[in-house]
Amino acid sequence: MTIVAAIPPGRLATNAAIAEFLDIVPRQVAFLLAKRNDELRESVPWWRVVGTDGQLGTRKQSFDGTSQNELLRREGFLVTKNSVVVSPQV
């Protein structure tokens, strides 16, 4: 989770990029993020990790129920209707 914690606001990382760095497969990164506990949901910016194609997790939510889509929008990212990150707003 240290890698995810290091992703600054306004930036994204993909499951594949993190997996390559850790020498694991992208599904393992997604699994670890899905299994995070409430403490990590509050302290680690998990919402900044997207699929290789920019796809967002359909059920990912923060401890208070806020969706990944909404958390990215709050940081200035443009997200299409089908929840694909298009580009950050500058």
PDB file of N, CA and C in Angstrom:
ATOM      1  N   MET A   1       0.812  -1.202   0.000  1.00  0.00           N
ATOM      2  CA  MET A   1       0.000   0.000   0.000  1.00  0.00           C
ATOM      3  C   MET A   1       0.853   1.262   0.000  1.00  0.00           C
ATOM      4  N   THR A   2       2.134   1.128   0.278  1.00  0.00           N
ATOM      5  CA  THR A   2       3.036   2.283   0.276  1.00  0.00           C
ATOM      6  C   THR A   2       3.094   2.932  -1.101  1.00  0.00           C
ATOM      7  N   ILE A   3       3.080   2.125  -2.145  1.00  0.00           N
ATOM      8  CA  ILE A   3       3.122   2.653  -3.514  1.00  0.00           C
ATOM      9  C   ILE A   3       1.871   3.466  -3.789  1.00  0.00           C
ATOM     10  N   VAL A   4       0.725   2.938  -3.424  1.00  0.00           N
ATOM     11  CA  VAL A   4      -0.537   3.643  -3.645  1.00  0.00           C
ATOM     12  C   VAL A   4      -0.566   4.934  -2.829  1.00  0.00           C
ATOM     13  N   ALA A   5      -0.068   4.893  -1.613  1.00  0.00           N
ATOM     14  CA  ALA A   5      -0.040   6.081  -0.757  1.00  0.00           C
ATOM     15  C   ALA A   5       0.818   7.192  -1.354  1.00  0.00           C
ATOM     16  N   ALA A   6       1.763   6.833  -2.212  1.00  0.00           N
ATOM     17  CA  ALA A   6       2.671   7.817  -2.805  1.00  0.00           C
ATOM     18  C   ALA A   6       2.114   8.486  -4.058  1.00  0.00           C
ATOM     19  N   ILE A   7       0.945   8.065  -4.537  1.00  0.00           N
ATOM     20  CA  ILE A   7       0.354   8.681  -5.731  1.00  0.00           C
ATOM     21  C   ILE A   7      -0.218  10.034  -5.327  1.00  0.00           C
ATOM     22  N   PRO A   8       0.320  11.126  -5.886  1.00  0.00           N
ATOM     23  CA  PRO A   8      -0.143  12.455  -5.464  1.00  0.00           C
ATOM     24  C   PRO A   8      -1.490  12.832  -6.081  1.00  0.00           C
ATOM     25  N   PRO A   9      -2.184  13.780  -5.487  1.00  0.00           N
ATOM     26  CA  PRO A   9      -3.438  14.265  -6.064  1.00  0.00           C
ATOM     27  C   PRO A   9      -3.212  14.724  -7.501  1.00  0.00           C
ATOM     28  N   GLY A  10      -4.181  14.455  -8.351  1.00  0.00           N
ATOM     29  CA  GLY A  10      -4.079  14.857  -9.747  1.00  0.00           C
ATOM     30  C   GLY A  10      -3.337  13.864 -10.622  1.00  0.00           C
ATOM     31  N   ARG A  11      -2.876  12.769 -10.036  1.00  0.00           N
ATOM     32  CA  ARG A  11      -2.143  11.739 -10.790  1.00  0.00           C
ATOM     33  C   ARG A  11      -2.838  10.398 -10.587  1.00  0.00           C
ATOM     34  N   LEU A  12      -2.622   9.502 -11.556  1.00  0.00           N
ATOM     35  CA  LEU A  12      -3.177   8.163 -11.487  1.00  0.00           C
ATOM     36  C   LEU A  12      -2.083   7.134 -11.688  1.00  0.00           C
ATOM     37  N   ALA A  13      -2.360   5.924 -11.269  1.00  0.00           N
ATOM     38  CA  ALA A  13      -1.505   4.772 -11.564  1.00  0.00           C
ATOM     39  C   ALA A  13      -2.440   3.654 -12.009  1.00  0.00           C
ATOM     40  N   THR A  14      -1.914   2.752 -12.799  1.00  0.00           N
ATOM     41  CA  THR A  14      -2.722   1.612 -13.221  1.00  0.00           C
ATOM     42  C   THR A  14      -2.336   0.378 -12.409  1.00  0.00           C
ATOM     43  N   ASN A  15      -3.265  -0.559 -12.356  1.00  0.00           N
ATOM     44  CA  ASN A  15      -2.963  -1.838 -11.715  1.00  0.00           C
ATOM     45  C   ASN A  15      -1.733  -2.463 -12.363  1.00  0.00           C
ATOM     46  N   ALA A  16      -1.635  -2.352 -13.683  1.00  0.00           N
ATOM     47  CA  ALA A  16      -0.521  -2.960 -14.419  1.00  0.00           C
ATOM     48  C   ALA A  16       0.815  -2.313 -14.065  1.00  0.00           C
ATOM     49  N   ALA A  17       0.839  -0.999 -13.930  1.00  0.00           N
ATOM     50  CA  ALA A  17       2.093  -0.313 -13.598  1.00  0.00           C
ATOM     51  C   ALA A  17       2.577  -0.712 -12.204  1.00  0.00           C
ATOM     52  N   ILE A  18       1.663  -0.768 -11.264  1.00  0.00           N
ATOM     53  CA  ILE A  18       2.024  -1.165  -9.901  1.00  0.00           C
ATOM     54  C   ILE A  18       2.468  -2.625  -9.897  1.00  0.00           C
ATOM     55  N   ALA A  19       1.740  -3.471 -10.628  1.00  0.00           N
ATOM     56  CA  ALA A  19       2.079  -4.891 -10.696  1.00  0.00           C
ATOM     57  C   ALA A  19       3.467  -5.103 -11.293  1.00  0.00           C
ATOM     58  N   GLU A  20       3.781  -4.363 -12.335  1.00  0.00           N
ATOM     59  CA  GLU A  20       5.099  -4.495 -12.959  1.00  0.00           C
ATOM     60  C   GLU A  20       6.198  -4.125 -11.966  1.00  0.00           C
ATOM     61  N   PHE A  21       5.993  -3.056 -11.229  1.00  0.00           N
ATOM     62  CA  PHE A  21       6.968  -2.621 -10.235  1.00  0.00           C
ATOM     63  C   PHE A  21       7.174  -3.686  -9.154  1.00  0.00           C
ATOM     64  N   LEU A  22       6.082  -4.345  -8.750  1.00  0.00           N
ATOM     65  CA  LEU A  22       6.139  -5.346  -7.682  1.00  0.00           C
ATOM     66  C   LEU A  22       6.422  -6.761  -8.192  1.00  0.00           C
ATOM     67  N   ASP A  23       6.471  -6.920  -9.511  1.00  0.00           N
ATOM     68  CA  ASP A  23       6.685  -8.219 -10.143  1.00  0.00           C
ATOM     69  C   ASP A  23       5.575  -9.210  -9.769  1.00  0.00           C
ATOM     70  N   ILE A  24       4.340  -8.725  -9.877  1.00  0.00           N
ATOM     71  CA  ILE A  24       3.150  -9.554  -9.689  1.00  0.00           C
ATOM     72  C   ILE A  24       2.211  -9.273 -10.855  1.00  0.00           C
ATOM     73  N   VAL A  25       1.064  -9.914 -10.893  1.00  0.00           N
ATOM     74  CA  VAL A  25       0.106  -9.665 -11.973  1.00  0.00           C
ATOM     75  C   VAL A  25      -0.899  -8.597 -11.543  1.00  0.00           C
ATOM     76  N   PRO A  26      -1.455  -7.843 -12.517  1.00  0.00           N
ATOM     77  CA  PRO A  26      -2.395  -6.766 -12.185  1.00  0.00           C
ATOM     78  C   PRO A  26      -3.588  -7.214 -11.349  1.00  0.00           C
ATOM     79  N   ARG A  27      -4.067  -8.426 -11.546  1.00  0.00           N
ATOM     80  CA  ARG A  27      -5.209  -8.903 -10.757  1.00  0.00           C
ATOM     81  C   ARG A  27      -4.874  -8.955  -9.268  1.00  0.00           C
ATOM     82  N   GLN A  28      -3.625  -9.217  -8.947  1.00  0.00           N
ATOM     83  CA  GLN A  28      -3.231  -9.251  -7.536  1.00  0.00           C
ATOM     84  C   GLN A  28      -3.303  -7.852  -6.925  1.00  0.00           C
ATOM     85  N   VAL A  29      -2.937  -6.850  -7.688  1.00  0.00           N
ATOM     86  CA  VAL A  29      -3.047  -5.465  -7.203  1.00  0.00           C
ATOM     87  C   VAL A  29      -4.518  -5.136  -6.953  1.00  0.00           C
ATOM     88  N   ALA A  30      -5.359  -5.463  -7.918  1.00  0.00           N
ATOM     89  CA  ALA A  30      -6.792  -5.198  -7.765  1.00  0.00           C
ATOM     90  C   ALA A  30      -7.355  -5.937  -6.553  1.00  0.00           C
ATOM     91  N   PHE A  31      -6.928  -7.174  -6.358  1.00  0.00           N
ATOM     92  CA  PHE A  31      -7.394  -7.964  -5.218  1.00  0.00           C
ATOM     93  C   PHE A  31      -6.989  -7.306  -3.902  1.00  0.00           C
ATOM     94  N   LEU A  32      -5.745  -6.879  -3.803  1.00  0.00           N
ATOM     95  CA  LEU A  32      -5.267  -6.244  -2.571  1.00  0.00           C
ATOM     96  C   LEU A  32      -6.029  -4.956  -2.276  1.00  0.00           C
ATOM     97  N   LEU A  33      -6.293  -4.176  -3.313  1.00  0.00           N
ATOM     98  CA  LEU A  33      -7.049  -2.937  -3.111  1.00  0.00           C
ATOM     99  C   LEU A  33      -8.501  -3.225  -2.718  1.00  0.00           C
ATOM    100  N   ALA A  34      -9.061  -4.279  -3.267  1.00  0.00           N
ATOM    101  CA  ALA A  34     -10.442  -4.643  -2.933  1.00  0.00           C
ATOM    102  C   ALA A  34     -10.566  -5.141  -1.495  1.00  0.00           C
ATOM    103  N   LYS A  35      -9.503  -5.696  -0.959  1.00  0.00           N
ATOM    104  CA  LYS A  35      -9.531  -6.256   0.390  1.00  0.00           C
ATOM    105  C   LYS A  35      -9.062  -5.281   1.472  1.00  0.00           C
ATOM    106  N   ARG A  36      -8.911  -4.031   1.115  1.00  0.00           N
ATOM    107  CA  ARG A  36      -8.431  -3.049   2.095  1.00  0.00           C
ATOM    108  C   ARG A  36      -9.434  -2.906   3.235  1.00  0.00           C
ATOM    109  N   ASN A  37      -8.925  -2.611   4.425  1.00  0.00           N
ATOM    110  CA  ASN A  37      -9.807  -2.431   5.579  1.00  0.00           C
ATOM    111  C   ASN A  37     -10.221  -0.955   5.694  1.00  0.00           C
ATOM    112  N   ASP A  38     -11.075  -0.654   6.629  1.00  0.00           N
ATOM    113  CA  ASP A  38     -11.584   0.713   6.768  1.00  0.00           C
ATOM    114  C   ASP A  38     -10.481   1.723   7.023  1.00  0.00           C
ATOM    115  N   GLU A  39      -9.469   1.340   7.791  1.00  0.00           N
ATOM    116  CA  GLU A  39      -8.357   2.253   8.075  1.00  0.00           C
ATOM    117  C   GLU A  39      -7.629   2.632   6.781  1.00  0.00           C
ATOM    118  N   LEU A  40      -7.389   1.649   5.929  1.00  0.00           N
ATOM    119  CA  LEU A  40      -6.721   1.933   4.655  1.00  0.00           C
ATOM    120  C   LEU A  40      -7.610   2.711   3.704  1.00  0.00           C
ATOM    121  N   ARG A  41      -8.904   2.481   3.769  1.00  0.00           N
ATOM    122  CA  ARG A  41      -9.830   3.237   2.916  1.00  0.00           C
ATOM    123  C   ARG A  41      -9.739   4.726   3.213  1.00  0.00           C
ATOM    124  N   GLU A  42      -9.467   5.055   4.458  1.00  0.00           N
ATOM    125  CA  GLU A  42      -9.376   6.461   4.852  1.00  0.00           C
ATOM    126  C   GLU A  42      -8.006   7.053   4.570  1.00  0.00           C
ATOM    127  N   SER A  43      -6.947   6.260   4.681  1.00  0.00           N
ATOM    128  CA  SER A  43      -5.595   6.815   4.633  1.00  0.00           C
ATOM    129  C   SER A  43      -4.843   6.613   3.320  1.00  0.00           C
ATOM    130  N   VAL A  44      -5.283   5.693   2.478  1.00  0.00           N
ATOM    131  CA  VAL A  44      -4.581   5.405   1.228  1.00  0.00           C
ATOM    132  C   VAL A  44      -5.462   5.809   0.051  1.00  0.00           C
ATOM    133  N   PRO A  45      -4.949   6.598  -0.896  1.00  0.00           N
ATOM    134  CA  PRO A  45      -5.764   7.070  -2.023  1.00  0.00           C
ATOM    135  C   PRO A  45      -5.985   5.989  -3.082  1.00  0.00           C
ATOM    136  N   TRP A  46      -6.683   4.927  -2.712  1.00  0.00           N
ATOM    137  CA  TRP A  46      -6.950   3.787  -3.586  1.00  0.00           C
ATOM    138  C   TRP A  46      -7.678   4.191  -4.860  1.00  0.00           C
ATOM    139  N   TRP A  47      -8.454   5.262  -4.806  1.00  0.00           N
ATOM    140  CA  TRP A  47      -9.243   5.698  -5.962  1.00  0.00           C
ATOM    141  C   TRP A  47      -8.371   6.196  -7.112  1.00  0.00           C
ATOM    142  N   ARG A  48      -7.091   6.450  -6.855  1.00  0.00           N
ATOM    143  CA  ARG A  48      -6.177   6.898  -7.917  1.00  0.00           C
ATOM    144  C   ARG A  48      -5.576   5.739  -8.702  1.00  0.00           C
ATOM    145  N   VAL A  49      -6.004   4.521  -8.404  1.00  0.00           N
ATOM    146  CA  VAL A  49      -5.544   3.343  -9.146  1.00  0.00           C
ATOM    147  C   VAL A  49      -6.690   2.880 -10.043  1.00  0.00           C
ATOM    148  N   VAL A  50      -6.407   2.832 -11.346  1.00  0.00           N
ATOM    149  CA  VAL A  50      -7.423   2.448 -12.327  1.00  0.00           C
ATOM    150  C   VAL A  50      -6.932   1.251 -13.133  1.00  0.00           C
ATOM    151  N   GLY A  51      -7.834   0.674 -13.901  1.00  0.00           N
ATOM    152  CA  GLY A  51      -7.463  -0.425 -14.781  1.00  0.00           C
ATOM    153  C   GLY A  51      -6.527   0.064 -15.874  1.00  0.00           C
ATOM    154  N   THR A  52      -5.870  -0.863 -16.530  1.00  0.00           N
ATOM    155  CA  THR A  52      -4.908  -0.527 -17.578  1.00  0.00           C
ATOM    156  C   THR A  52      -5.537   0.324 -18.674  1.00  0.00           C
ATOM    157  N   ASP A  53      -6.799   0.079 -18.970  1.00  0.00           N
ATOM    158  CA  ASP A  53      -7.499   0.835 -20.009  1.00  0.00           C
ATOM    159  C   ASP A  53      -8.195   2.077 -19.460  1.00  0.00           C
ATOM    160  N   GLY A  54      -7.932   2.415 -18.215  1.00  0.00           N
ATOM    161  CA  GLY A  54      -8.558   3.583 -17.604  1.00  0.00           C
ATOM    162  C   GLY A  54      -9.906   3.297 -16.972  1.00  0.00           C
ATOM    163  N   GLN A  55     -10.324   2.060 -17.001  1.00  0.00           N
ATOM    164  CA  GLN A  55     -11.623   1.681 -16.450  1.00  0.00           C
ATOM    165  C   GLN A  55     -11.606   1.771 -14.929  1.00  0.00           C
ATOM    166  N   LEU A  56     -12.707   2.263 -14.383  1.00  0.00           N
ATOM    167  CA  LEU A  56     -12.833   2.370 -12.932  1.00  0.00           C
ATOM    168  C   LEU A  56     -13.482   1.120 -12.371  1.00  0.00           C
ATOM    169  N   GLY A  57     -13.196   0.841 -11.108  1.00  0.00           N
ATOM    170  CA  GLY A  57     -13.847  -0.273 -10.436  1.00  0.00           C
ATOM    171  C   GLY A  57     -15.312   0.051 -10.222  1.00  0.00           C
ATOM    172  N   THR A  58     -16.195  -0.831 -10.597  1.00  0.00           N
ATOM    173  CA  THR A  58     -17.629  -0.535 -10.527  1.00  0.00           C
ATOM    174  C   THR A  58     -18.160  -0.444  -9.107  1.00  0.00           C
ATOM    175  N   ARG A  59     -17.568  -1.184  -8.183  1.00  0.00           N
ATOM    176  CA  ARG A  59     -18.099  -1.186  -6.818  1.00  0.00           C
ATOM    177  C   ARG A  59     -17.178  -0.540  -5.812  1.00  0.00           C
ATOM    178  N   LYS A  60     -16.107   0.073  -6.256  1.00  0.00           N
ATOM    179  CA  LYS A  60     -15.168   0.654  -5.299  1.00  0.00           C
ATOM    180  C   LYS A  60     -15.783   1.869  -4.635  1.00  0.00           C
ATOM    181  N   GLN A  61     -15.758   1.863  -3.305  1.00  0.00           N
ATOM    182  CA  GLN A  61     -16.294   2.975  -2.535  1.00  0.00           C
ATOM    183  C   GLN A  61     -15.415   3.250  -1.332  1.00  0.00           C
ATOM    184  N   SER A  62     -15.473   4.501  -0.868  1.00  0.00           N
ATOM    185  CA  SER A  62     -14.732   4.866   0.327  1.00  0.00           C
ATOM    186  C   SER A  62     -15.506   4.397   1.550  1.00  0.00           C
ATOM    187  N   PHE A  63     -14.924   4.619   2.718  1.00  0.00           N
ATOM    188  CA  PHE A  63     -15.568   4.205   3.965  1.00  0.00           C
ATOM    189  C   PHE A  63     -16.933   4.858   4.151  1.00  0.00           C
ATOM    190  N   ASP A  64     -17.128   6.029   3.562  1.00  0.00           N
ATOM    191  CA  ASP A  64     -18.415   6.709   3.716  1.00  0.00           C
ATOM    192  C   ASP A  64     -19.363   6.469   2.541  1.00  0.00           C
ATOM    193  N   GLY A  65     -18.977   5.559   1.627  1.00  0.00           N
ATOM    194  CA  GLY A  65     -19.841   5.203   0.509  1.00  0.00           C
ATOM    195  C   GLY A  65     -19.624   6.021  -0.747  1.00  0.00           C
ATOM    196  N   THR A  66     -18.664   6.941  -0.743  1.00  0.00           N
ATOM    197  CA  THR A  66     -18.391   7.751  -1.923  1.00  0.00           C
ATOM    198  C   THR A  66     -17.714   6.879  -2.977  1.00  0.00           C
ATOM    199  N   SER A  67     -18.177   6.975  -4.221  1.00  0.00           N
ATOM    200  CA  SER A  67     -17.640   6.131  -5.287  1.00  0.00           C
ATOM    201  C   SER A  67     -16.280   6.624  -5.779  1.00  0.00           C
ATOM    202  N   GLN A  68     -15.552   5.715  -6.411  1.00  0.00           N
ATOM    203  CA  GLN A  68     -14.268   6.069  -7.026  1.00  0.00           C
ATOM    204  C   GLN A  68     -14.486   7.172  -8.061  1.00  0.00           C
ATOM    205  N   ASN A  69     -15.550   7.057  -8.815  1.00  0.00           N
ATOM    206  CA  ASN A  69     -15.892   8.063  -9.817  1.00  0.00           C
ATOM    207  C   ASN A  69     -15.978   9.450  -9.181  1.00  0.00           C
ATOM    208  N   GLU A  70     -16.723   9.556  -8.088  1.00  0.00           N
ATOM    209  CA  GLU A  70     -16.910  10.840  -7.404  1.00  0.00           C
ATOM    210  C   GLU A  70     -15.608  11.355  -6.799  1.00  0.00           C
ATOM    211  N   LEU A  71     -14.828  10.481  -6.198  1.00  0.00           N
ATOM    212  CA  LEU A  71     -13.556  10.912  -5.598  1.00  0.00           C
ATOM    213  C   LEU A  71     -12.606  11.463  -6.660  1.00  0.00           C
ATOM    214  N   LEU A  72     -12.570  10.839  -7.838  1.00  0.00           N
ATOM    215  CA  LEU A  72     -11.719  11.345  -8.926  1.00  0.00           C
ATOM    216  C   LEU A  72     -12.244  12.688  -9.441  1.00  0.00           C
ATOM    217  N   ARG A  73     -13.550  12.816  -9.563  1.00  0.00           N
ATOM    218  CA  ARG A  73     -14.129  14.098  -9.998  1.00  0.00           C
ATOM    219  C   ARG A  73     -13.768  15.221  -9.017  1.00  0.00           C
ATOM    220  N   ARG A  74     -13.793  14.918  -7.733  1.00  0.00           N
ATOM    221  CA  ARG A  74     -13.431  15.917  -6.717  1.00  0.00           C
ATOM    222  C   ARG A  74     -11.986  16.387  -6.870  1.00  0.00           C
ATOM    223  N   GLU A  75     -11.132  15.508  -7.422  1.00  0.00           N
ATOM    224  CA  GLU A  75      -9.729  15.871  -7.640  1.00  0.00           C
ATOM    225  C   GLU A  75      -9.511  16.533  -8.995  1.00  0.00           C
ATOM    226  N   GLY A  76     -10.592  16.740  -9.756  1.00  0.00           N
ATOM    227  CA  GLY A  76     -10.487  17.447 -11.013  1.00  0.00           C
ATOM    228  C   GLY A  76     -10.365  16.586 -12.250  1.00  0.00           C
ATOM    229  N   PHE A  77     -10.565  15.276 -12.129  1.00  0.00           N
ATOM    230  CA  PHE A  77     -10.511  14.410 -13.298  1.00  0.00           C
ATOM    231  C   PHE A  77     -11.838  14.446 -14.037  1.00  0.00           C
ATOM    232  N   LEU A  78     -11.760  14.330 -15.352  1.00  0.00           N
ATOM    233  CA  LEU A  78     -12.954  14.178 -16.163  1.00  0.00           C
ATOM    234  C   LEU A  78     -13.232  12.688 -16.287  1.00  0.00           C
ATOM    235  N   VAL A  79     -14.468  12.305 -16.040  1.00  0.00           N
ATOM    236  CA  VAL A  79     -14.845  10.899 -16.110  1.00  0.00           C
ATOM    237  C   VAL A  79     -16.062  10.794 -17.014  1.00  0.00           C
ATOM    238  N   THR A  80     -16.032   9.892 -17.986  1.00  0.00           N
ATOM    239  CA  THR A  80     -17.158   9.749 -18.904  1.00  0.00           C
ATOM    240  C   THR A  80     -18.293   8.986 -18.246  1.00  0.00           C
ATOM    241  N   LYS A  81     -19.407   8.920 -18.934  1.00  0.00           N
ATOM    242  CA  LYS A  81     -20.585   8.237 -18.394  1.00  0.00           C
ATOM    243  C   LYS A  81     -20.313   6.772 -18.060  1.00  0.00           C
ATOM    244  N   ASN A  82     -19.469   6.135 -18.874  1.00  0.00           N
ATOM    245  CA  ASN A  82     -19.185   4.726 -18.598  1.00  0.00           C
ATOM    246  C   ASN A  82     -18.007   4.570 -17.646  1.00  0.00           C
ATOM    247  N   SER A  83     -17.725   5.617 -16.891  1.00  0.00           N
ATOM    248  CA  SER A  83     -16.736   5.606 -15.826  1.00  0.00           C
ATOM    249  C   SER A  83     -15.299   5.365 -16.275  1.00  0.00           C
ATOM    250  N   VAL A  84     -14.953   5.832 -17.447  1.00  0.00           N
ATOM    251  CA  VAL A  84     -13.574   5.738 -17.906  1.00  0.00           C
ATOM    252  C   VAL A  84     -12.923   7.099 -17.704  1.00  0.00           C
ATOM    253  N   VAL A  85     -11.763   7.118 -17.079  1.00  0.00           N
ATOM    254  CA  VAL A  85     -11.055   8.371 -16.859  1.00  0.00           C
ATOM    255  C   VAL A  85     -10.557   8.874 -18.209  1.00  0.00           C
ATOM    256  N   VAL A  86     -10.931  10.090 -18.563  1.00  0.00           N
ATOM    257  CA  VAL A  86     -10.523  10.649 -19.841  1.00  0.00           C
ATOM    258  C   VAL A  86      -9.223  11.417 -19.687  1.00  0.00           C
ATOM    259  N   SER A  87      -9.231  12.417 -18.826  1.00  0.00           N
ATOM    260  CA  SER A  87      -8.015  13.207 -18.596  1.00  0.00           C
ATOM    261  C   SER A  87      -8.238  14.091 -17.374  1.00  0.00           C
ATOM    262  N   PRO A  88      -7.170  14.471 -16.712  1.00  0.00           N
ATOM    263  CA  PRO A  88      -7.334  15.388 -15.581  1.00  0.00           C
ATOM    264  C   PRO A  88      -7.597  16.799 -16.090  1.00  0.00           C
ATOM    265  N   GLN A  89      -8.399  17.536 -15.360  1.00  0.00           N
ATOM    266  CA  GLN A  89      -8.608  18.935 -15.690  1.00  0.00           C
ATOM    267  C   GLN A  89      -7.407  19.710 -15.170  1.00  0.00           C
ATOM    268  N   VAL A  90      -7.019  20.711 -15.906  1.00  0.00           N
ATOM    269  CA  VAL A  90      -5.860  21.504 -15.472  1.00  0.00           C
ATOM    270  C   VAL A  90      -6.295  22.899 -15.149  1.00  0.00           C
TER     271      VAL A  90
END
